[in-house]
């Protein structure tokens, strides 16, 4: 009987010791996980904050979330200059749009335009964005448009202007097109949109070769 009692007490002591040991190990394990999680969250927040403030190490400005557009007004001119200097074509387009629509300093916008020179695809996209926001009659639109050198993009811009009934700018665009193909395609679109505007713009067809002159006559006869 006494042996049984002592054996029982011994078992209880062993269980108690094991419980204490595993309890301490378990607490340390949980604390370590919490600390790691807290450090990861802190690092993540710091990374985001640093990225928004332009102080991340790489500064390549090529990631989709590189610029928090909703946080745009918190950037000072020096930080904006850094974005323009390091920005790729997409970055420049997005920041140019914000600079113009937020009436930022002219030198920043001109700096942005200078960096965009030769990037016709993004120039075209920015022109589209400005038309959508009603900036097609501004000096900035005109300055940016003069950087566009690709006739197919100019034709696309005319299509965009027609779709939004912005006929007051179509004249300025079509007179800069040099390709007979896109002069004709533009006039064809304009005729369907506004016959009077088409007649006013026939002057751009005077230097076309005979093939396109005949096409214009056919177009006028329709």
C-alpha atoms as a PDB file:
ATOM      1  CA  UNK A   1       0.000   0.000   0.000  1.00  0.00           C
ATOM      2  CA  UNK A   2       2.768   2.446   1.003  1.00  0.00           C
ATOM      3  CA  UNK A   3       4.675   1.559  -2.155  1.00  0.00           C
ATOM      4  CA  UNK A   4       1.624   2.469  -4.201  1.00  0.00           C
ATOM      5  CA  UNK A   5       1.269   5.820  -2.472  1.00  0.00           C
ATOM      6  CA  UNK A   6       4.940   6.707  -2.979  1.00  0.00           C
ATOM      7  CA  UNK A   7       4.792   5.552  -6.577  1.00  0.00           C
ATOM      8  CA  UNK A   8       1.729   7.762  -7.110  1.00  0.00           C
ATOM      9  CA  UNK A   9       3.438  10.770  -5.520  1.00  0.00           C
ATOM     10  CA  UNK A  10       6.512  10.155  -7.668  1.00  0.00           C
ATOM     11  CA  UNK A  11       4.376  10.112 -10.815  1.00  0.00           C
ATOM     12  CA  UNK A  12       2.668  13.369  -9.837  1.00  0.00           C
ATOM     13  CA  UNK A  13       6.054  15.039  -9.194  1.00  0.00           C
ATOM     14  CA  UNK A  14       7.344  13.936 -12.610  1.00  0.00           C
ATOM     15  CA  UNK A  15       4.175  15.244 -14.316  1.00  0.00           C
ATOM     16  CA  UNK A  16       4.495  18.531 -12.425  1.00  0.00           C
ATOM     17  CA  UNK A  17       8.157  18.960 -13.461  1.00  0.00           C
ATOM     18  CA  UNK A  18       7.370  18.148 -17.098  1.00  0.00           C
ATOM     19  CA  UNK A  19       4.495  20.620 -17.048  1.00  0.00           C
ATOM     20  CA  UNK A  20       6.729  23.386 -15.712  1.00  0.00           C
ATOM     21  CA  UNK A  21       9.474  22.659 -18.269  1.00  0.00           C
ATOM     22  CA  UNK A  22       7.128  22.554 -21.284  1.00  0.00           C
ATOM     23  CA  UNK A  23       5.245  25.570 -19.991  1.00  0.00           C
ATOM     24  CA  UNK A  24       8.405  27.677 -19.867  1.00  0.00           C
ATOM     25  CA  UNK A  25       9.537  26.467 -23.304  1.00  0.00           C
ATOM     26  CA  UNK A  26       6.103  27.136 -24.729  1.00  0.00           C
ATOM     27  CA  UNK A  27       5.988  30.669 -23.307  1.00  0.00           C
ATOM     28  CA  UNK A  28       9.406  31.438 -24.746  1.00  0.00           C
ATOM     29  CA  UNK A  29       8.316  30.083 -28.121  1.00  0.00           C
ATOM     30  CA  UNK A  30       5.162  32.244 -28.149  1.00  0.00           C
ATOM     31  CA  UNK A  31       7.119  35.330 -27.058  1.00  0.00           C
ATOM     32  CA  UNK A  32       9.675  34.753 -29.817  1.00  0.00           C
ATOM     33  CA  UNK A  33       6.920  34.469 -32.456  1.00  0.00           C
ATOM     34  CA  UNK A  34       5.280  37.674 -31.224  1.00  0.00           C
ATOM     35  CA  UNK A  35       8.590  39.539 -31.268  1.00  0.00           C
ATOM     36  CA  UNK A  36       9.377  38.350 -34.794  1.00  0.00           C
ATOM     37  CA  UNK A  37       5.897  39.316 -35.970  1.00  0.00           C
ATOM     38  CA  UNK A  38       6.176  42.739 -34.354  1.00  0.00           C
ATOM     39  CA  UNK A  39       9.585  43.334 -35.943  1.00  0.00           C
ATOM     40  CA  UNK A  40       8.293  42.255 -39.364  1.00  0.00           C
ATOM     41  CA  UNK A  41       5.319  44.602 -39.112  1.00  0.00           C
ATOM     42  CA  UNK A  42       7.568  47.437 -37.991  1.00  0.00           C
ATOM     43  CA  UNK A  43       9.997  46.774 -40.827  1.00  0.00           C
ATOM     44  CA  UNK A  44       7.129  46.640 -43.299  1.00  0.00           C
ATOM     45  CA  UNK A  45       5.718  49.954 -42.117  1.00  0.00           C
ATOM     46  CA  UNK A  46       9.134  51.578 -42.175  1.00  0.00           C
ATOM     47  CA  UNK A  47       9.743  50.268 -45.694  1.00  0.00           C
ATOM     48  CA  UNK A  48       6.439  51.732 -46.896  1.00  0.00           C
ATOM     49  CA  UNK A  49       7.063  55.041 -45.155  1.00  0.00           C
ATOM     50  CA  UNK A  50      10.600  55.233 -46.519  1.00  0.00           C
ATOM     51  CA  UNK A  51       9.348  54.368 -49.977  1.00  0.00           C
ATOM     52  CA  UNK A  52       6.736  57.142 -49.866  1.00  0.00           C
ATOM     53  CA  UNK A  53       9.282  59.669 -48.671  1.00  0.00           C
ATOM     54  CA  UNK A  54      11.776  58.710 -51.382  1.00  0.00           C
ATOM     55  CA  UNK A  55      14.358  57.414 -48.927  1.00  0.00           C
ATOM     56  CA  UNK A  56      14.386  53.749 -49.912  1.00  0.00           C
ATOM     57  CA  UNK A  57      17.832  52.407 -50.716  1.00  0.00           C
ATOM     58  CA  UNK A  58      17.264  51.381 -54.336  1.00  0.00           C
ATOM     59  CA  UNK A  59      15.335  54.459 -55.471  1.00  0.00           C
ATOM     60  CA  UNK A  60      14.605  52.867 -58.842  1.00  0.00           C
ATOM     61  CA  UNK A  61      11.046  54.252 -59.007  1.00  0.00           C
ATOM     62  CA  UNK A  62       9.873  51.367 -61.182  1.00  0.00           C
ATOM     63  CA  UNK A  63       7.428  49.591 -58.861  1.00  0.00           C
ATOM     64  CA  UNK A  64       3.670  49.973 -59.258  1.00  0.00           C
ATOM     65  CA  UNK A  65       3.221  51.346 -55.753  1.00  0.00           C
ATOM     66  CA  UNK A  66       6.335  53.526 -55.823  1.00  0.00           C
ATOM     67  CA  UNK A  67       4.273  56.660 -55.578  1.00  0.00           C
ATOM     68  CA  UNK A  68       1.313  57.063 -53.333  1.00  0.00           C
ATOM     69  CA  UNK A  69      -0.630  59.450 -55.555  1.00  0.00           C
ATOM     70  CA  UNK A  70      -3.109  60.173 -52.749  1.00  0.00           C
ATOM     71  CA  UNK A  71      -0.058  61.322 -50.740  1.00  0.00           C
ATOM     72  CA  UNK A  72       1.207  63.518 -53.581  1.00  0.00           C
ATOM     73  CA  UNK A  73       0.762  66.861 -51.835  1.00  0.00           C
ATOM     74  CA  UNK A  74       3.059  65.755 -48.999  1.00  0.00           C
ATOM     75  CA  UNK A  75       6.076  65.741 -51.311  1.00  0.00           C
ATOM     76  CA  UNK A  76       8.208  68.863 -51.378  1.00  0.00           C
ATOM     77  CA  UNK A  77       9.822  70.205 -54.561  1.00  0.00           C
ATOM     78  CA  UNK A  78      13.181  68.559 -53.850  1.00  0.00           C
ATOM     79  CA  UNK A  79      11.511  65.151 -53.506  1.00  0.00           C
ATOM     80  CA  UNK A  80       9.522  65.707 -56.693  1.00  0.00           C
ATOM     81  CA  UNK A  81      12.721  66.631 -58.539  1.00  0.00           C
ATOM     82  CA  UNK A  82      14.233  63.333 -57.360  1.00  0.00           C
ATOM     83  CA  UNK A  83      11.244  61.412 -58.725  1.00  0.00           C
ATOM     84  CA  UNK A  84      11.541  63.171 -62.099  1.00  0.00           C
ATOM     85  CA  UNK A  85      15.298  62.572 -62.310  1.00  0.00           C
ATOM     86  CA  UNK A  86      15.031  58.848 -61.534  1.00  0.00           C
ATOM     87  CA  UNK A  87      11.611  58.125 -63.011  1.00  0.00           C
ATOM     88  CA  UNK A  88      10.935  55.813 -65.924  1.00  0.00           C
ATOM     89  CA  UNK A  89       8.438  56.717 -68.664  1.00  0.00           C
ATOM     90  CA  UNK A  90       5.371  55.535 -66.741  1.00  0.00           C
ATOM     91  CA  UNK A  91       6.486  57.344 -63.588  1.00  0.00           C
ATOM     92  CA  UNK A  92       7.016  60.569 -65.513  1.00  0.00           C
ATOM     93  CA  UNK A  93       3.574  60.376 -67.110  1.00  0.00           C
ATOM     94  CA  UNK A  94       1.794  59.888 -63.786  1.00  0.00           C
ATOM     95  CA  UNK A  95       3.730  62.609 -62.013  1.00  0.00           C
ATOM     96  CA  UNK A  96       3.390  65.060 -64.913  1.00  0.00           C
ATOM     97  CA  UNK A  97      -0.372  64.654 -64.734  1.00  0.00           C
ATOM     98  CA  UNK A  98      -0.353  65.378 -60.993  1.00  0.00           C
ATOM     99  CA  UNK A  99       1.984  68.340 -61.413  1.00  0.00           C
ATOM    100  CA  UNK A 100      -0.296  69.937 -64.007  1.00  0.00           C
ATOM    101  CA  UNK A 101      -3.638  69.219 -62.342  1.00  0.00           C
ATOM    102  CA  UNK A 102      -2.324  70.355 -58.942  1.00  0.00           C
ATOM    103  CA  UNK A 103      -0.884  73.593 -60.394  1.00  0.00           C
ATOM    104  CA  UNK A 104       2.652  72.863 -59.237  1.00  0.00           C
ATOM    105  CA  UNK A 105       5.586  75.077 -60.153  1.00  0.00           C
ATOM    106  CA  UNK A 106       6.130  75.513 -63.883  1.00  0.00           C
ATOM    107  CA  UNK A 107       9.811  74.573 -63.717  1.00  0.00           C
ATOM    108  CA  UNK A 108       8.877  71.127 -62.358  1.00  0.00           C
ATOM    109  CA  UNK A 109       6.445  70.540 -65.222  1.00  0.00           C
ATOM    110  CA  UNK A 110       8.975  71.696 -67.827  1.00  0.00           C
ATOM    111  CA  UNK A 111      11.589  69.470 -66.200  1.00  0.00           C
ATOM    112  CA  UNK A 112       9.186  66.564 -66.507  1.00  0.00           C
ATOM    113  CA  UNK A 113       8.442  67.352 -70.175  1.00  0.00           C
ATOM    114  CA  UNK A 114      12.151  67.483 -70.957  1.00  0.00           C
ATOM    115  CA  UNK A 115      12.664  64.038 -69.443  1.00  0.00           C
ATOM    116  CA  UNK A 116       9.693  62.681 -71.427  1.00  0.00           C
ATOM    117  CA  UNK A 117      11.094  63.801 -74.785  1.00  0.00           C
ATOM    118  CA  UNK A 118      11.349  60.815 -77.121  1.00  0.00           C
ATOM    119  CA  UNK A 119       8.945  58.685 -75.077  1.00  0.00           C
ATOM    120  CA  UNK A 120       6.099  59.022 -77.588  1.00  0.00           C
ATOM    121  CA  UNK A 121       3.891  56.272 -76.209  1.00  0.00           C
ATOM    122  CA  UNK A 122       3.703  57.835 -72.748  1.00  0.00           C
ATOM    123  CA  UNK A 123       3.429  61.351 -74.206  1.00  0.00           C
ATOM    124  CA  UNK A 124       0.367  60.127 -76.104  1.00  0.00           C
ATOM    125  CA  UNK A 125      -1.066  58.570 -72.935  1.00  0.00           C
ATOM    126  CA  UNK A 126      -0.498  61.773 -70.973  1.00  0.00           C
ATOM    127  CA  UNK A 127      -2.211  63.803 -73.694  1.00  0.00           C
ATOM    128  CA  UNK A 128      -5.161  61.420 -73.444  1.00  0.00           C
ATOM    129  CA  UNK A 129      -5.233  61.909 -69.666  1.00  0.00           C
ATOM    130  CA  UNK A 130      -5.196  65.691 -70.058  1.00  0.00           C
ATOM    131  CA  UNK A 131      -8.044  65.567 -72.593  1.00  0.00           C
ATOM    132  CA  UNK A 132     -10.078  63.432 -70.182  1.00  0.00           C
ATOM    133  CA  UNK A 133      -9.574  66.070 -67.482  1.00  0.00           C
ATOM    134  CA  UNK A 134     -10.383  69.009 -69.756  1.00  0.00           C
ATOM    135  CA  UNK A 135      -6.852  70.411 -70.101  1.00  0.00           C
ATOM    136  CA  UNK A 136      -6.703  70.217 -73.914  1.00  0.00           C
ATOM    137  CA  UNK A 137      -6.720  74.004 -74.422  1.00  0.00           C
ATOM    138  CA  UNK A 138      -3.921  74.794 -71.974  1.00  0.00           C
ATOM    139  CA  UNK A 139      -0.382  75.846 -72.860  1.00  0.00           C
ATOM    140  CA  UNK A 140       0.892  72.682 -71.177  1.00  0.00           C
ATOM    141  CA  UNK A 141      -1.132  70.551 -73.572  1.00  0.00           C
ATOM    142  CA  UNK A 142       0.275  72.462 -76.531  1.00  0.00           C
ATOM    143  CA  UNK A 143       3.856  72.189 -75.267  1.00  0.00           C
ATOM    144  CA  UNK A 144       3.484  68.470 -74.656  1.00  0.00           C
ATOM    145  CA  UNK A 145       1.832  67.907 -78.009  1.00  0.00           C
ATOM    146  CA  UNK A 146       4.812  69.479 -79.781  1.00  0.00           C
ATOM    147  CA  UNK A 147       6.948  66.656 -78.339  1.00  0.00           C
ATOM    148  CA  UNK A 148       4.801  64.025 -80.080  1.00  0.00           C
ATOM    149  CA  UNK A 149       6.484  62.894 -83.299  1.00  0.00           C
ATOM    150  CA  UNK A 150       4.595  59.739 -84.304  1.00  0.00           C
ATOM    151  CA  UNK A 151       1.762  60.293 -86.808  1.00  0.00           C
ATOM    152  CA  UNK A 152      -0.242  57.179 -85.806  1.00  0.00           C
ATOM    153  CA  UNK A 153      -0.353  58.541 -82.229  1.00  0.00           C
ATOM    154  CA  UNK A 154      -1.521  61.912 -83.549  1.00  0.00           C
ATOM    155  CA  UNK A 155      -4.287  60.110 -85.418  1.00  0.00           C
ATOM    156  CA  UNK A 156      -5.236  58.263 -82.206  1.00  0.00           C
ATOM    157  CA  UNK A 157      -5.363  61.613 -80.453  1.00  0.00           C
ATOM    158  CA  UNK A 158      -7.727  62.962 -83.112  1.00  0.00           C
ATOM    159  CA  UNK A 159      -9.959  59.915 -82.591  1.00  0.00           C
ATOM    160  CA  UNK A 160      -9.938  60.636 -78.867  1.00  0.00           C
ATOM    161  CA  UNK A 161     -10.807  64.299 -79.414  1.00  0.00           C
ATOM    162  CA  UNK A 162     -13.650  63.343 -81.748  1.00  0.00           C
ATOM    163  CA  UNK A 163     -15.057  60.826 -79.259  1.00  0.00           C
ATOM    164  CA  UNK A 164     -15.202  63.590 -76.620  1.00  0.00           C
ATOM    165  CA  UNK A 165     -16.343  66.271 -79.133  1.00  0.00           C
ATOM    166  CA  UNK A 166     -13.269  68.453 -78.517  1.00  0.00           C
ATOM    167  CA  UNK A 167     -13.260  69.912 -82.027  1.00  0.00           C
ATOM    168  CA  UNK A 168     -11.472  73.103 -80.973  1.00  0.00           C
ATOM    169  CA  UNK A 169      -8.159  71.209 -80.739  1.00  0.00           C
ATOM    170  CA  UNK A 170      -8.500  68.881 -83.737  1.00  0.00           C
ATOM    171  CA  UNK A 171      -7.318  71.594 -86.132  1.00  0.00           C
ATOM    172  CA  UNK A 172      -4.081  72.086 -84.192  1.00  0.00           C
ATOM    173  CA  UNK A 173      -3.343  68.373 -84.285  1.00  0.00           C
ATOM    174  CA  UNK A 174      -4.100  67.544 -87.915  1.00  0.00           C
ATOM    175  CA  UNK A 175      -1.902  70.316 -89.351  1.00  0.00           C
ATOM    176  CA  UNK A 176       1.146  68.675 -87.754  1.00  0.00           C
ATOM    177  CA  UNK A 177       0.578  65.279 -89.435  1.00  0.00           C
ATOM    178  CA  UNK A 178       2.924  64.663 -92.340  1.00  0.00           C
ATOM    179  CA  UNK A 179       1.966  61.152 -93.437  1.00  0.00           C
ATOM    180  CA  UNK A 180      -0.567  61.114 -96.354  1.00  0.00           C
ATOM    181  CA  UNK A 181      -2.099  57.938 -94.939  1.00  0.00           C
ATOM    182  CA  UNK A 182      -2.892  59.511 -91.575  1.00  0.00           C
ATOM    183  CA  UNK A 183      -3.941  62.849 -93.065  1.00  0.00           C
ATOM    184  CA  UNK A 184      -6.550  61.004 -95.098  1.00  0.00           C
ATOM    185  CA  UNK A 185      -7.592  58.723 -92.219  1.00  0.00           C
ATOM    186  CA  UNK A 186      -7.999  61.788 -89.991  1.00  0.00           C
ATOM    187  CA  UNK A 187     -10.093  63.665 -92.561  1.00  0.00           C
ATOM    188  CA  UNK A 188     -12.246  60.582 -93.027  1.00  0.00           C
ATOM    189  CA  UNK A 189     -12.959  60.446 -89.294  1.00  0.00           C
ATOM    190  CA  UNK A 190     -13.564  64.194 -89.108  1.00  0.00           C
ATOM    191  CA  UNK A 191     -16.075  64.114 -91.972  1.00  0.00           C
ATOM    192  CA  UNK A 192     -18.179  61.546 -90.137  1.00  0.00           C
ATOM    193  CA  UNK A 193     -18.001  63.710 -87.030  1.00  0.00           C
ATOM    194  CA  UNK A 194     -18.487  67.246 -88.399  1.00  0.00           C
ATOM    195  CA  UNK A 195     -18.910  68.031 -92.088  1.00  0.00           C
ATOM    196  CA  UNK A 196     -18.225  71.745 -91.662  1.00  0.00           C
ATOM    197  CA  UNK A 197     -14.990  71.070 -89.808  1.00  0.00           C
ATOM    198  CA  UNK A 198     -14.028  68.632 -92.550  1.00  0.00           C
ATOM    199  CA  UNK A 199     -14.529  71.318 -95.214  1.00  0.00           C
ATOM    200  CA  UNK A 200     -12.510  73.813 -93.174  1.00  0.00           C
ATOM    201  CA  UNK A 201      -9.634  71.356 -92.883  1.00  0.00           C
ATOM    202  CA  UNK A 202      -9.453  70.331 -96.551  1.00  0.00           C
ATOM    203  CA  UNK A 203      -6.511  72.711 -96.869  1.00  0.00           C
ATOM    204  CA  UNK A 204      -4.301  70.019 -95.302  1.00  0.00           C
ATOM    205  CA  UNK A 205      -4.989  67.763 -98.295  1.00  0.00           C
ATOM    206  CA  UNK A 206      -3.607  70.136-100.929  1.00  0.00           C
ATOM    207  CA  UNK A 207      -0.104  68.654-100.774  1.00  0.00           C
ATOM    208  CA  UNK A 208      -1.249  65.040-101.047  1.00  0.00           C
ATOM    209  CA  UNK A 209      -0.280  62.964-104.084  1.00  0.00           C
ATOM    210  CA  UNK A 210      -2.797  62.110-106.824  1.00  0.00           C
ATOM    211  CA  UNK A 211      -3.851  58.845-105.222  1.00  0.00           C
ATOM    212  CA  UNK A 212      -4.967  60.572-102.036  1.00  0.00           C
ATOM    213  CA  UNK A 213      -6.371  63.558-103.893  1.00  0.00           C
ATOM    214  CA  UNK A 214      -8.695  61.125-105.655  1.00  0.00           C
ATOM    215  CA  UNK A 215      -9.559  59.509-102.343  1.00  0.00           C
ATOM    216  CA  UNK A 216     -10.447  62.935-100.938  1.00  0.00           C
ATOM    217  CA  UNK A 217     -12.721  63.618-103.935  1.00  0.00           C
ATOM    218  CA  UNK A 218     -14.433  60.292-103.370  1.00  0.00           C
ATOM    219  CA  UNK A 219     -14.840  61.178 -99.715  1.00  0.00           C
ATOM    220  CA  UNK A 220     -16.363  64.554-100.602  1.00  0.00           C
ATOM    221  CA  UNK A 221     -18.823  62.872-102.976  1.00  0.00           C
ATOM    222  CA  UNK A 222     -20.245  60.642-100.250  1.00  0.00           C
END
